[in-house]
Amino acid sequence: MMKVEKFVVNEWQENCFIAYDETKEAVIIDCGAHSAREFERLTYFVERMGLKPVAQLCTHLHLDHIFGTQMVLDKWGLAPVAGAADAFLVEQWPMISAMFGMPGEPQPPMPGSYLGDGDAVRFGNSVLKVLETPGHSPGSLCFYSKSDNILFSGDVLFNYGVGRSDLPGGNGQQLCNSIASKLFTLPDETKVYCGHGPETTIGDEKFGNPFM
């Protein structure tokens, strides 16, 4: 059975997650830790629980979701894994970080590999299916566990909200299409862990999300 621990980090109050199961193998999702102190909270949890991180996953490569990817790489040797269409967000890091008022911010590592629609991320006894959900960013991914009824939605779907589509590579119509065709087809009871804010369910969003 998959368990999930949430860490709220950085100036944008981004949600970083550690997912793990009874084998103690774990994946780190969207490490946006922006300081050593924030990262220490994460490493303390891993060590206290006796976990073994085996993958670093990124739902997308906007700066608030990848501030801590270098720290994960340094600590556990795990390069980030993401959607290929988002690679430009790291390649153009100096320009993008300056756009958000952070010139000189150290550039995070490029992904070590890429995931696409239908791929599976396996750790311990758990499997996360990859769903390509472009619109918030071109390479946005969601990670879905059918057996545990869990979805990590990144910034695609929020609690009664959707991700913004006015950033480089964003597309509002594409975002809505991704949600309707990839996420709203999941079971209503699916618990959604969002990139910002509280959790929700697919059922609640299907019947109450004002943007859809």
N, C-alpha and C. Protein backbone atom coordinates (compact mmCIF):
# COMPACT_ATOMS: atom_id res chain seq x y z
N MET A 1 0.84 -1.21 0.00
CA MET A 1 0.00 0.00 0.00
C MET A 1 0.88 1.26 0.00
N MET A 2 0.59 2.15 -0.92
CA MET A 2 1.38 3.37 -1.04
C MET A 2 1.00 4.38 0.04
N LYS A 3 2.01 4.99 0.62
CA LYS A 3 1.81 6.09 1.56
C LYS A 3 2.46 7.34 0.98
N VAL A 4 1.94 8.50 1.37
CA VAL A 4 2.41 9.76 0.80
C VAL A 4 2.68 10.76 1.92
N GLU A 5 3.84 11.39 1.87
CA GLU A 5 4.18 12.47 2.81
C GLU A 5 4.37 13.75 2.00
N LYS A 6 3.76 14.84 2.46
CA LYS A 6 3.83 16.12 1.76
C LYS A 6 4.70 17.11 2.49
N PHE A 7 5.50 17.86 1.73
CA PHE A 7 6.33 18.93 2.27
C PHE A 7 6.02 20.20 1.49
N VAL A 8 5.59 21.24 2.17
CA VAL A 8 5.29 22.52 1.52
C VAL A 8 6.55 23.37 1.58
N VAL A 9 7.03 23.77 0.40
CA VAL A 9 8.35 24.41 0.33
C VAL A 9 8.33 25.65 -0.56
N ASN A 10 9.34 26.44 -0.42
CA ASN A 10 9.72 27.62 -1.20
C ASN A 10 8.68 28.74 -1.19
N GLU A 11 9.03 29.82 -1.89
CA GLU A 11 8.22 31.04 -1.88
C GLU A 11 6.84 30.85 -2.49
N TRP A 12 6.69 29.83 -3.32
CA TRP A 12 5.42 29.58 -4.00
C TRP A 12 4.56 28.53 -3.28
N GLN A 13 5.01 28.11 -2.10
CA GLN A 13 4.26 27.12 -1.32
C GLN A 13 3.95 25.88 -2.17
N GLU A 14 5.00 25.37 -2.78
CA GLU A 14 4.89 24.20 -3.65
C GLU A 14 4.86 22.93 -2.82
N ASN A 15 4.13 21.94 -3.30
CA ASN A 15 4.02 20.66 -2.62
C ASN A 15 5.02 19.66 -3.20
N CYS A 16 5.98 19.26 -2.39
CA CYS A 16 6.89 18.18 -2.71
C CYS A 16 6.40 16.93 -2.00
N PHE A 17 6.45 15.79 -2.68
CA PHE A 17 5.92 14.55 -2.10
C PHE A 17 6.97 13.46 -2.06
N ILE A 18 6.88 12.64 -1.03
CA ILE A 18 7.59 11.36 -0.99
C ILE A 18 6.54 10.27 -0.95
N ALA A 19 6.56 9.39 -1.95
CA ALA A 19 5.65 8.25 -1.99
C ALA A 19 6.46 6.99 -1.72
N TYR A 20 5.95 6.12 -0.87
CA TYR A 20 6.69 4.91 -0.49
C TYR A 20 5.71 3.81 -0.11
N ASP A 21 6.21 2.60 0.02
CA ASP A 21 5.33 1.50 0.44
C ASP A 21 6.04 0.64 1.47
N GLU A 22 5.48 -0.54 1.72
CA GLU A 22 5.98 -1.40 2.80
C GLU A 22 7.38 -1.92 2.56
N THR A 23 7.88 -1.85 1.33
CA THR A 23 9.25 -2.29 1.05
C THR A 23 10.28 -1.25 1.45
N LYS A 24 9.83 -0.05 1.75
CA LYS A 24 10.67 1.10 2.11
C LYS A 24 11.30 1.78 0.89
N GLU A 25 11.06 1.27 -0.32
CA GLU A 25 11.50 2.00 -1.49
C GLU A 25 10.59 3.21 -1.69
N ALA A 26 11.16 4.31 -2.22
CA ALA A 26 10.42 5.56 -2.30
C ALA A 26 10.77 6.31 -3.57
N VAL A 27 9.85 7.18 -3.99
CA VAL A 27 10.15 8.15 -5.05
C VAL A 27 9.90 9.54 -4.49
N ILE A 28 10.70 10.49 -4.94
CA ILE A 28 10.56 11.89 -4.57
C ILE A 28 9.97 12.61 -5.77
N ILE A 29 8.87 13.32 -5.54
CA ILE A 29 8.14 13.97 -6.63
C ILE A 29 8.18 15.49 -6.43
N ASP A 30 8.70 16.19 -7.43
CA ASP A 30 8.71 17.67 -7.46
C ASP A 30 9.44 18.27 -6.26
N CYS A 31 10.74 18.03 -6.19
CA CYS A 31 11.50 18.58 -5.07
C CYS A 31 11.80 20.06 -5.32
N GLY A 32 10.93 20.91 -4.79
CA GLY A 32 11.10 22.35 -4.92
C GLY A 32 11.77 22.99 -3.73
N ALA A 33 12.40 22.19 -2.86
CA ALA A 33 13.08 22.74 -1.68
C ALA A 33 14.09 23.79 -2.11
N HIS A 34 13.99 24.99 -1.53
CA HIS A 34 14.79 26.12 -2.00
C HIS A 34 15.87 26.53 -1.01
N SER A 35 16.02 25.76 0.04
CA SER A 35 17.05 26.06 1.03
C SER A 35 17.50 24.75 1.66
N ALA A 36 18.69 24.80 2.27
CA ALA A 36 19.20 23.62 2.95
C ALA A 36 18.27 23.21 4.08
N ARG A 37 17.68 24.18 4.74
CA ARG A 37 16.77 23.88 5.85
C ARG A 37 15.54 23.13 5.37
N GLU A 38 14.98 23.56 4.25
CA GLU A 38 13.82 22.85 3.70
C GLU A 38 14.20 21.43 3.29
N PHE A 39 15.37 21.28 2.69
CA PHE A 39 15.80 19.95 2.26
C PHE A 39 16.09 19.05 3.45
N GLU A 40 16.56 19.63 4.55
CA GLU A 40 16.83 18.84 5.75
C GLU A 40 15.56 18.19 6.30
N ARG A 41 14.42 18.88 6.18
CA ARG A 41 13.15 18.29 6.61
C ARG A 41 12.87 17.02 5.84
N LEU A 42 13.13 17.08 4.55
CA LEU A 42 12.89 15.93 3.70
C LEU A 42 13.84 14.77 4.03
N THR A 43 15.13 15.08 4.15
CA THR A 43 16.10 14.02 4.43
C THR A 43 15.88 13.43 5.82
N TYR A 44 15.46 14.26 6.77
CA TYR A 44 15.18 13.74 8.11
C TYR A 44 14.05 12.72 8.07
N PHE A 45 13.00 13.02 7.28
CA PHE A 45 11.89 12.08 7.17
C PHE A 45 12.36 10.77 6.53
N VAL A 46 13.13 10.88 5.45
CA VAL A 46 13.63 9.68 4.78
C VAL A 46 14.44 8.81 5.74
N GLU A 47 15.32 9.43 6.49
CA GLU A 47 16.18 8.68 7.40
C GLU A 47 15.40 8.12 8.58
N ARG A 48 14.47 8.92 9.11
CA ARG A 48 13.68 8.45 10.26
C ARG A 48 12.82 7.26 9.89
N MET A 49 12.30 7.25 8.67
CA MET A 49 11.43 6.16 8.22
C MET A 49 12.21 5.00 7.61
N GLY A 50 13.52 5.17 7.46
CA GLY A 50 14.34 4.11 6.88
C GLY A 50 14.05 3.86 5.41
N LEU A 51 13.76 4.94 4.67
CA LEU A 51 13.38 4.81 3.26
C LEU A 51 14.60 4.78 2.35
N LYS A 52 14.39 4.20 1.17
CA LYS A 52 15.42 4.15 0.14
C LYS A 52 14.88 4.82 -1.13
N PRO A 53 15.18 6.10 -1.37
CA PRO A 53 14.73 6.75 -2.60
C PRO A 53 15.37 6.08 -3.82
N VAL A 54 14.53 5.77 -4.82
CA VAL A 54 15.03 5.10 -6.02
C VAL A 54 14.76 5.90 -7.29
N ALA A 55 13.99 6.98 -7.21
CA ALA A 55 13.73 7.80 -8.38
C ALA A 55 13.33 9.21 -7.95
N GLN A 56 13.67 10.18 -8.79
CA GLN A 56 13.27 11.57 -8.60
C GLN A 56 12.40 11.97 -9.80
N LEU A 57 11.11 12.17 -9.56
CA LEU A 57 10.15 12.45 -10.62
C LEU A 57 9.76 13.92 -10.61
N CYS A 58 9.54 14.46 -11.80
CA CYS A 58 9.07 15.84 -11.93
C CYS A 58 7.80 15.85 -12.77
N THR A 59 6.74 16.43 -12.22
CA THR A 59 5.52 16.57 -13.01
C THR A 59 5.73 17.57 -14.15
N HIS A 60 6.58 18.56 -13.89
CA HIS A 60 6.97 19.53 -14.92
C HIS A 60 8.20 20.27 -14.41
N LEU A 61 8.76 21.14 -15.24
CA LEU A 61 10.06 21.73 -14.91
C LEU A 61 10.00 23.23 -14.67
N HIS A 62 8.88 23.74 -14.18
CA HIS A 62 8.84 25.13 -13.74
C HIS A 62 9.73 25.27 -12.51
N LEU A 63 10.31 26.47 -12.34
CA LEU A 63 11.37 26.63 -11.35
C LEU A 63 10.94 26.27 -9.93
N ASP A 64 9.69 26.56 -9.55
CA ASP A 64 9.28 26.28 -8.18
C ASP A 64 9.17 24.79 -7.87
N HIS A 65 9.18 23.95 -8.90
CA HIS A 65 9.11 22.50 -8.71
C HIS A 65 10.46 21.82 -8.83
N ILE A 66 11.52 22.57 -9.15
CA ILE A 66 12.81 21.93 -9.37
C ILE A 66 13.97 22.59 -8.62
N PHE A 67 13.69 23.54 -7.74
CA PHE A 67 14.77 24.18 -6.99
C PHE A 67 15.66 23.15 -6.30
N GLY A 68 15.07 22.08 -5.78
CA GLY A 68 15.83 21.11 -4.98
C GLY A 68 16.32 19.89 -5.72
N THR A 69 16.17 19.87 -7.04
CA THR A 69 16.55 18.66 -7.78
C THR A 69 18.06 18.38 -7.70
N GLN A 70 18.86 19.43 -7.64
CA GLN A 70 20.30 19.21 -7.50
C GLN A 70 20.63 18.61 -6.15
N MET A 71 19.93 19.02 -5.10
CA MET A 71 20.17 18.48 -3.77
C MET A 71 19.83 16.99 -3.71
N VAL A 72 18.75 16.60 -4.39
CA VAL A 72 18.39 15.17 -4.45
C VAL A 72 19.45 14.39 -5.22
N LEU A 73 19.92 14.98 -6.32
CA LEU A 73 20.98 14.33 -7.10
C LEU A 73 22.24 14.17 -6.27
N ASP A 74 22.62 15.21 -5.53
CA ASP A 74 23.83 15.14 -4.71
C ASP A 74 23.70 14.13 -3.57
N LYS A 75 22.51 14.07 -2.97
CA LYS A 75 22.30 13.23 -1.79
C LYS A 75 22.15 11.76 -2.15
N TRP A 76 21.35 11.47 -3.17
CA TRP A 76 21.02 10.08 -3.48
C TRP A 76 21.44 9.63 -4.89
N GLY A 77 22.06 10.52 -5.65
CA GLY A 77 22.50 10.15 -6.99
C GLY A 77 21.37 9.95 -7.97
N LEU A 78 20.23 10.61 -7.73
CA LEU A 78 19.05 10.44 -8.57
C LEU A 78 18.83 11.68 -9.42
N ALA A 79 19.11 11.57 -10.71
CA ALA A 79 18.83 12.68 -11.63
C ALA A 79 17.33 12.81 -11.82
N PRO A 80 16.83 14.02 -12.04
CA PRO A 80 15.39 14.18 -12.26
C PRO A 80 14.95 13.50 -13.55
N VAL A 81 13.70 13.04 -13.52
CA VAL A 81 13.07 12.42 -14.69
C VAL A 81 11.81 13.21 -14.98
N ALA A 82 11.59 13.58 -16.25
CA ALA A 82 10.49 14.50 -16.58
C ALA A 82 10.01 14.26 -18.00
N GLY A 83 9.08 15.11 -18.45
CA GLY A 83 8.62 15.08 -19.82
C GLY A 83 9.59 15.82 -20.72
N ALA A 84 9.91 15.23 -21.87
CA ALA A 84 10.93 15.80 -22.75
C ALA A 84 10.58 17.19 -23.24
N ALA A 85 9.30 17.48 -23.43
CA ALA A 85 8.90 18.78 -23.98
C ALA A 85 9.16 19.93 -23.02
N ASP A 86 9.50 19.62 -21.77
CA ASP A 86 9.81 20.67 -20.79
C ASP A 86 11.30 20.96 -20.66
N ALA A 87 12.13 20.25 -21.41
CA ALA A 87 13.58 20.42 -21.26
C ALA A 87 14.03 21.86 -21.48
N PHE A 88 13.33 22.58 -22.36
CA PHE A 88 13.73 23.97 -22.64
C PHE A 88 13.65 24.85 -21.40
N LEU A 89 12.82 24.48 -20.43
CA LEU A 89 12.69 25.29 -19.22
C LEU A 89 13.96 25.27 -18.38
N VAL A 90 14.73 24.20 -18.47
CA VAL A 90 16.03 24.15 -17.80
C VAL A 90 17.10 24.74 -18.70
N GLU A 91 17.02 24.46 -20.00
CA GLU A 91 18.00 25.00 -20.94
C GLU A 91 18.00 26.53 -20.93
N GLN A 92 16.82 27.12 -20.76
CA GLN A 92 16.69 28.57 -20.76
C GLN A 92 16.60 29.14 -19.34
N TRP A 93 17.16 28.42 -18.38
CA TRP A 93 17.05 28.78 -16.97
C TRP A 93 17.45 30.22 -16.66
N PRO A 94 18.58 30.74 -17.15
CA PRO A 94 18.95 32.12 -16.79
C PRO A 94 17.87 33.13 -17.15
N MET A 95 17.29 32.98 -18.33
CA MET A 95 16.24 33.90 -18.76
C MET A 95 14.97 33.72 -17.94
N ILE A 96 14.60 32.48 -17.69
CA ILE A 96 13.35 32.21 -16.99
C ILE A 96 13.45 32.60 -15.52
N SER A 97 14.57 32.30 -14.88
CA SER A 97 14.72 32.67 -13.47
C SER A 97 14.75 34.19 -13.32
N ALA A 98 15.36 34.89 -14.28
CA ALA A 98 15.37 36.35 -14.24
C ALA A 98 13.97 36.91 -14.41
N MET A 99 13.16 36.23 -15.24
CA MET A 99 11.78 36.66 -15.47
C MET A 99 10.97 36.64 -14.18
N PHE A 100 11.36 35.73 -13.26
CA PHE A 100 10.67 35.63 -11.98
C PHE A 100 11.42 36.36 -10.87
N GLY A 101 12.32 37.25 -11.24
CA GLY A 101 13.01 38.07 -10.26
C GLY A 101 14.11 37.37 -9.52
N MET A 102 14.68 36.31 -10.09
CA MET A 102 15.72 35.54 -9.43
C MET A 102 16.96 35.40 -10.31
N PRO A 103 17.52 36.49 -10.80
CA PRO A 103 18.73 36.38 -11.62
C PRO A 103 19.87 35.78 -10.82
N GLY A 104 20.65 34.95 -11.48
CA GLY A 104 21.79 34.33 -10.80
C GLY A 104 21.45 33.08 -10.02
N GLU A 105 20.19 32.66 -10.03
CA GLU A 105 19.78 31.43 -9.35
C GLU A 105 20.53 30.24 -9.98
N PRO A 106 21.17 29.39 -9.16
CA PRO A 106 21.92 28.26 -9.73
C PRO A 106 21.04 27.38 -10.62
N GLN A 107 21.57 26.98 -11.75
CA GLN A 107 20.79 26.19 -12.70
C GLN A 107 20.66 24.75 -12.23
N PRO A 108 19.44 24.22 -12.19
CA PRO A 108 19.23 22.82 -11.80
C PRO A 108 19.78 21.87 -12.87
N PRO A 109 19.93 20.61 -12.53
CA PRO A 109 20.43 19.64 -13.51
C PRO A 109 19.38 19.34 -14.58
N MET A 110 19.85 19.04 -15.77
CA MET A 110 18.95 18.55 -16.81
C MET A 110 18.43 17.17 -16.42
N PRO A 111 17.25 16.80 -16.90
CA PRO A 111 16.76 15.45 -16.63
C PRO A 111 17.75 14.40 -17.12
N GLY A 112 17.84 13.31 -16.35
CA GLY A 112 18.70 12.22 -16.76
C GLY A 112 18.04 11.32 -17.77
N SER A 113 16.70 11.33 -17.79
CA SER A 113 15.93 10.57 -18.76
C SER A 113 14.54 11.17 -18.82
N TYR A 114 13.75 10.69 -19.76
CA TYR A 114 12.43 11.26 -19.98
C TYR A 114 11.36 10.18 -19.95
N LEU A 115 10.14 10.59 -19.59
CA LEU A 115 8.99 9.70 -19.53
C LEU A 115 7.93 10.17 -20.51
N GLY A 116 7.14 9.21 -21.01
CA GLY A 116 6.06 9.53 -21.92
C GLY A 116 4.78 8.82 -21.53
N ASP A 117 3.72 9.12 -22.24
CA ASP A 117 2.40 8.59 -21.93
C ASP A 117 2.41 7.06 -21.89
N GLY A 118 1.88 6.49 -20.83
CA GLY A 118 1.80 5.05 -20.70
C GLY A 118 3.00 4.39 -20.07
N ASP A 119 4.09 5.13 -19.87
CA ASP A 119 5.24 4.57 -19.17
C ASP A 119 4.86 4.24 -17.73
N ALA A 120 5.63 3.38 -17.12
CA ALA A 120 5.38 3.00 -15.73
C ALA A 120 6.62 3.23 -14.89
N VAL A 121 6.44 3.85 -13.73
CA VAL A 121 7.52 4.02 -12.75
C VAL A 121 7.26 3.01 -11.64
N ARG A 122 8.21 2.11 -11.41
CA ARG A 122 8.04 1.05 -10.41
C ARG A 122 8.99 1.27 -9.25
N PHE A 123 8.45 1.13 -8.05
CA PHE A 123 9.28 1.16 -6.84
C PHE A 123 8.62 0.26 -5.82
N GLY A 124 9.44 -0.61 -5.20
CA GLY A 124 8.88 -1.57 -4.28
C GLY A 124 7.79 -2.38 -4.94
N ASN A 125 6.62 -2.43 -4.29
CA ASN A 125 5.46 -3.13 -4.83
C ASN A 125 4.49 -2.18 -5.54
N SER A 126 4.93 -0.97 -5.79
CA SER A 126 4.05 0.07 -6.31
C SER A 126 4.38 0.42 -7.77
N VAL A 127 3.35 0.89 -8.46
CA VAL A 127 3.51 1.31 -9.86
C VAL A 127 2.79 2.64 -10.05
N LEU A 128 3.46 3.59 -10.67
CA LEU A 128 2.85 4.84 -11.07
C LEU A 128 2.82 4.90 -12.60
N LYS A 129 1.63 5.01 -13.15
CA LYS A 129 1.49 5.14 -14.61
C LYS A 129 1.64 6.61 -14.99
N VAL A 130 2.34 6.84 -16.08
CA VAL A 130 2.60 8.20 -16.55
C VAL A 130 1.49 8.63 -17.50
N LEU A 131 0.92 9.81 -17.23
CA LEU A 131 -0.10 10.41 -18.10
C LEU A 131 0.45 11.72 -18.63
N GLU A 132 0.55 11.85 -19.94
CA GLU A 132 0.96 13.13 -20.52
C GLU A 132 -0.23 14.08 -20.50
N THR A 133 -0.03 15.25 -19.85
CA THR A 133 -1.13 16.20 -19.67
C THR A 133 -0.65 17.62 -19.98
N PRO A 134 -0.29 17.91 -21.22
CA PRO A 134 0.21 19.24 -21.57
C PRO A 134 -0.85 20.32 -21.42
N GLY A 135 -0.38 21.55 -21.30
CA GLY A 135 -1.27 22.70 -21.19
C GLY A 135 -0.75 23.71 -20.19
N HIS A 136 -0.43 23.25 -18.98
CA HIS A 136 0.23 24.14 -18.02
C HIS A 136 1.66 24.38 -18.48
N SER A 137 2.29 23.32 -18.92
CA SER A 137 3.58 23.38 -19.62
C SER A 137 3.51 22.31 -20.70
N PRO A 138 4.38 22.40 -21.72
CA PRO A 138 4.28 21.43 -22.82
C PRO A 138 4.54 19.99 -22.39
N GLY A 139 5.39 19.82 -21.38
CA GLY A 139 5.76 18.46 -20.96
C GLY A 139 5.14 18.01 -19.67
N SER A 140 4.07 18.65 -19.23
CA SER A 140 3.45 18.28 -17.96
C SER A 140 3.05 16.81 -17.92
N LEU A 141 3.38 16.16 -16.81
CA LEU A 141 3.02 14.76 -16.58
C LEU A 141 2.23 14.65 -15.28
N CYS A 142 1.34 13.67 -15.23
CA CYS A 142 0.71 13.26 -13.98
C CYS A 142 1.09 11.81 -13.73
N PHE A 143 1.11 11.43 -12.47
CA PHE A 143 1.49 10.07 -12.08
C PHE A 143 0.32 9.43 -11.34
N TYR A 144 -0.11 8.26 -11.84
CA TYR A 144 -1.35 7.64 -11.36
C TYR A 144 -1.12 6.22 -10.87
N SER A 145 -1.58 5.96 -9.66
CA SER A 145 -1.58 4.60 -9.11
C SER A 145 -3.00 4.07 -9.11
N LYS A 146 -3.26 3.12 -10.00
CA LYS A 146 -4.59 2.53 -10.08
C LYS A 146 -4.92 1.72 -8.83
N SER A 147 -3.95 0.97 -8.33
CA SER A 147 -4.21 0.09 -7.19
C SER A 147 -4.46 0.87 -5.91
N ASP A 148 -3.86 2.06 -5.79
CA ASP A 148 -4.02 2.86 -4.57
C ASP A 148 -4.97 4.04 -4.75
N ASN A 149 -5.52 4.22 -5.95
CA ASN A 149 -6.43 5.34 -6.23
C ASN A 149 -5.80 6.68 -5.87
N ILE A 150 -4.58 6.90 -6.38
CA ILE A 150 -3.82 8.12 -6.09
C ILE A 150 -3.35 8.73 -7.40
N LEU A 151 -3.48 10.05 -7.50
CA LEU A 151 -2.96 10.79 -8.65
C LEU A 151 -2.11 11.96 -8.16
N PHE A 152 -0.92 12.10 -8.71
CA PHE A 152 -0.11 13.29 -8.49
C PHE A 152 -0.30 14.17 -9.72
N SER A 153 -0.97 15.31 -9.54
CA SER A 153 -1.42 16.10 -10.69
C SER A 153 -0.51 17.27 -11.03
N GLY A 154 0.55 17.50 -10.26
CA GLY A 154 1.38 18.66 -10.52
C GLY A 154 0.54 19.92 -10.51
N ASP A 155 0.77 20.81 -11.50
CA ASP A 155 0.00 22.05 -11.57
C ASP A 155 -1.06 21.98 -12.67
N VAL A 156 -1.47 20.78 -13.04
CA VAL A 156 -2.53 20.62 -14.04
C VAL A 156 -3.89 20.83 -13.39
N LEU A 157 -4.14 20.13 -12.29
CA LEU A 157 -5.44 20.18 -11.62
C LEU A 157 -5.23 20.49 -10.15
N PHE A 158 -6.00 21.46 -9.64
CA PHE A 158 -5.97 21.83 -8.23
C PHE A 158 -7.33 21.56 -7.58
N ASN A 159 -7.36 21.80 -6.27
CA ASN A 159 -8.61 21.73 -5.54
C ASN A 159 -9.49 22.90 -6.01
N TYR A 160 -10.48 22.59 -6.83
CA TYR A 160 -11.38 23.59 -7.43
C TYR A 160 -10.61 24.65 -8.21
N GLY A 161 -9.61 24.19 -8.94
CA GLY A 161 -8.85 25.09 -9.79
C GLY A 161 -8.08 24.30 -10.84
N VAL A 162 -7.49 25.02 -11.77
CA VAL A 162 -6.62 24.41 -12.76
C VAL A 162 -5.35 25.26 -12.85
N GLY A 163 -4.32 24.70 -13.47
CA GLY A 163 -3.07 25.42 -13.59
C GLY A 163 -3.17 26.60 -14.55
N ARG A 164 -2.30 27.57 -14.35
CA ARG A 164 -2.27 28.70 -15.27
C ARG A 164 -1.67 28.24 -16.60
N SER A 165 -2.04 28.95 -17.65
CA SER A 165 -1.58 28.55 -18.99
C SER A 165 -0.90 29.71 -19.72
N ASP A 166 -0.52 30.76 -18.97
CA ASP A 166 0.07 31.94 -19.60
C ASP A 166 1.59 31.98 -19.48
N LEU A 167 2.19 30.89 -19.03
CA LEU A 167 3.65 30.82 -18.94
C LEU A 167 4.21 30.24 -20.24
N PRO A 168 5.52 30.35 -20.50
CA PRO A 168 6.08 29.86 -21.76
C PRO A 168 5.68 28.42 -22.06
N GLY A 169 5.08 28.23 -23.23
CA GLY A 169 4.67 26.90 -23.65
C GLY A 169 3.29 26.48 -23.17
N GLY A 170 2.63 27.33 -22.39
CA GLY A 170 1.30 26.99 -21.88
C GLY A 170 0.23 27.16 -22.95
N ASN A 171 -0.89 26.44 -22.76
CA ASN A 171 -2.00 26.50 -23.71
C ASN A 171 -3.28 26.14 -22.98
N GLY A 172 -4.19 27.10 -22.83
CA GLY A 172 -5.39 26.90 -22.04
C GLY A 172 -6.31 25.82 -22.57
N GLN A 173 -6.53 25.79 -23.89
CA GLN A 173 -7.40 24.78 -24.46
C GLN A 173 -6.80 23.38 -24.30
N GLN A 174 -5.50 23.31 -24.49
CA GLN A 174 -4.81 22.03 -24.32
C GLN A 174 -4.89 21.55 -22.88
N LEU A 175 -4.78 22.48 -21.94
CA LEU A 175 -4.88 22.14 -20.52
C LEU A 175 -6.24 21.54 -20.20
N CYS A 176 -7.31 22.19 -20.66
CA CYS A 176 -8.66 21.67 -20.39
C CYS A 176 -8.87 20.32 -21.06
N ASN A 177 -8.34 20.16 -22.27
CA ASN A 177 -8.46 18.88 -22.96
C ASN A 177 -7.73 17.77 -22.20
N SER A 178 -6.56 18.10 -21.65
CA SER A 178 -5.80 17.11 -20.87
C SER A 178 -6.59 16.67 -19.65
N ILE A 179 -7.18 17.63 -18.96
CA ILE A 179 -7.94 17.30 -17.75
C ILE A 179 -9.15 16.44 -18.11
N ALA A 180 -9.88 16.85 -19.15
CA ALA A 180 -11.10 16.13 -19.52
C ALA A 180 -10.80 14.72 -20.01
N SER A 181 -9.76 14.57 -20.83
CA SER A 181 -9.53 13.27 -21.46
C SER A 181 -8.66 12.33 -20.65
N LYS A 182 -7.77 12.86 -19.80
CA LYS A 182 -6.83 12.01 -19.07
C LYS A 182 -7.17 11.87 -17.58
N LEU A 183 -7.69 12.95 -16.98
CA LEU A 183 -7.91 12.92 -15.53
C LEU A 183 -9.36 12.64 -15.16
N PHE A 184 -10.29 13.28 -15.86
CA PHE A 184 -11.70 13.09 -15.51
C PHE A 184 -12.24 11.74 -15.96
N THR A 185 -11.42 10.94 -16.62
CA THR A 185 -11.80 9.57 -16.97
C THR A 185 -11.37 8.59 -15.87
N LEU A 186 -10.64 9.06 -14.87
CA LEU A 186 -10.24 8.21 -13.75
C LEU A 186 -11.40 8.04 -12.78
N PRO A 187 -11.37 7.02 -11.92
CA PRO A 187 -12.46 6.81 -10.96
C PRO A 187 -12.68 8.03 -10.06
N ASP A 188 -13.94 8.29 -9.73
CA ASP A 188 -14.28 9.45 -8.90
C ASP A 188 -13.56 9.45 -7.56
N GLU A 189 -13.29 8.27 -7.02
CA GLU A 189 -12.69 8.20 -5.69
C GLU A 189 -11.18 8.43 -5.70
N THR A 190 -10.60 8.64 -6.86
CA THR A 190 -9.15 8.86 -6.95
C THR A 190 -8.76 10.11 -6.15
N LYS A 191 -7.83 9.93 -5.22
CA LYS A 191 -7.34 11.05 -4.42
C LYS A 191 -6.27 11.79 -5.21
N VAL A 192 -6.38 13.11 -5.28
CA VAL A 192 -5.49 13.93 -6.08
C VAL A 192 -4.57 14.74 -5.18
N TYR A 193 -3.26 14.50 -5.33
CA TYR A 193 -2.25 15.29 -4.64
C TYR A 193 -1.76 16.36 -5.62
N CYS A 194 -2.08 17.61 -5.32
CA CYS A 194 -1.84 18.73 -6.24
C CYS A 194 -0.48 19.37 -6.00
N GLY A 195 0.00 20.10 -6.99
CA GLY A 195 1.28 20.77 -6.88
C GLY A 195 1.31 21.94 -5.92
N HIS A 196 0.14 22.48 -5.62
CA HIS A 196 -0.03 23.55 -4.63
C HIS A 196 -1.38 23.33 -3.95
N GLY A 197 -1.47 23.69 -2.69
CA GLY A 197 -2.75 23.65 -2.01
C GLY A 197 -3.14 22.26 -1.53
N PRO A 198 -4.40 22.13 -1.06
CA PRO A 198 -4.85 20.88 -0.45
C PRO A 198 -5.19 19.81 -1.48
N GLU A 199 -5.37 18.58 -0.96
CA GLU A 199 -5.76 17.47 -1.81
C GLU A 199 -7.24 17.59 -2.20
N THR A 200 -7.61 16.81 -3.20
CA THR A 200 -9.00 16.76 -3.63
C THR A 200 -9.27 15.37 -4.19
N THR A 201 -10.40 15.17 -4.84
CA THR A 201 -10.69 13.91 -5.52
C THR A 201 -11.15 14.21 -6.94
N ILE A 202 -11.03 13.23 -7.80
CA ILE A 202 -11.50 13.40 -9.17
C ILE A 202 -12.99 13.67 -9.19
N GLY A 203 -13.75 12.96 -8.36
CA GLY A 203 -15.20 13.17 -8.32
C GLY A 203 -15.58 14.58 -7.94
N ASP A 204 -14.91 15.13 -6.92
CA ASP A 204 -15.20 16.51 -6.50
C ASP A 204 -14.91 17.49 -7.63
N GLU A 205 -13.82 17.26 -8.35
CA GLU A 205 -13.45 18.20 -9.41
C GLU A 205 -14.35 18.06 -10.64
N LYS A 206 -14.75 16.85 -10.96
CA LYS A 206 -15.64 16.64 -12.10
C LYS A 206 -16.97 17.38 -11.92
N PHE A 207 -17.44 17.38 -10.71
CA PHE A 207 -18.78 17.94 -10.47
C PHE A 207 -18.78 19.34 -9.86
N GLY A 208 -17.58 19.86 -9.52
CA GLY A 208 -17.58 21.16 -8.87
C GLY A 208 -16.51 22.13 -9.30
N ASN A 209 -15.60 21.73 -10.17
CA ASN A 209 -14.52 22.63 -10.57
C ASN A 209 -15.06 23.71 -11.50
N PRO A 210 -15.03 24.97 -11.08
CA PRO A 210 -15.66 26.03 -11.89
C PRO A 210 -14.95 26.33 -13.21
N PHE A 211 -13.69 25.86 -13.35
CA PHE A 211 -12.95 26.12 -14.58
C PHE A 211 -13.18 25.05 -15.64
N MET A 212 -13.90 23.99 -15.25
CA MET A 212 -14.15 22.91 -16.20
C MET A 212 -15.65 22.78 -16.48
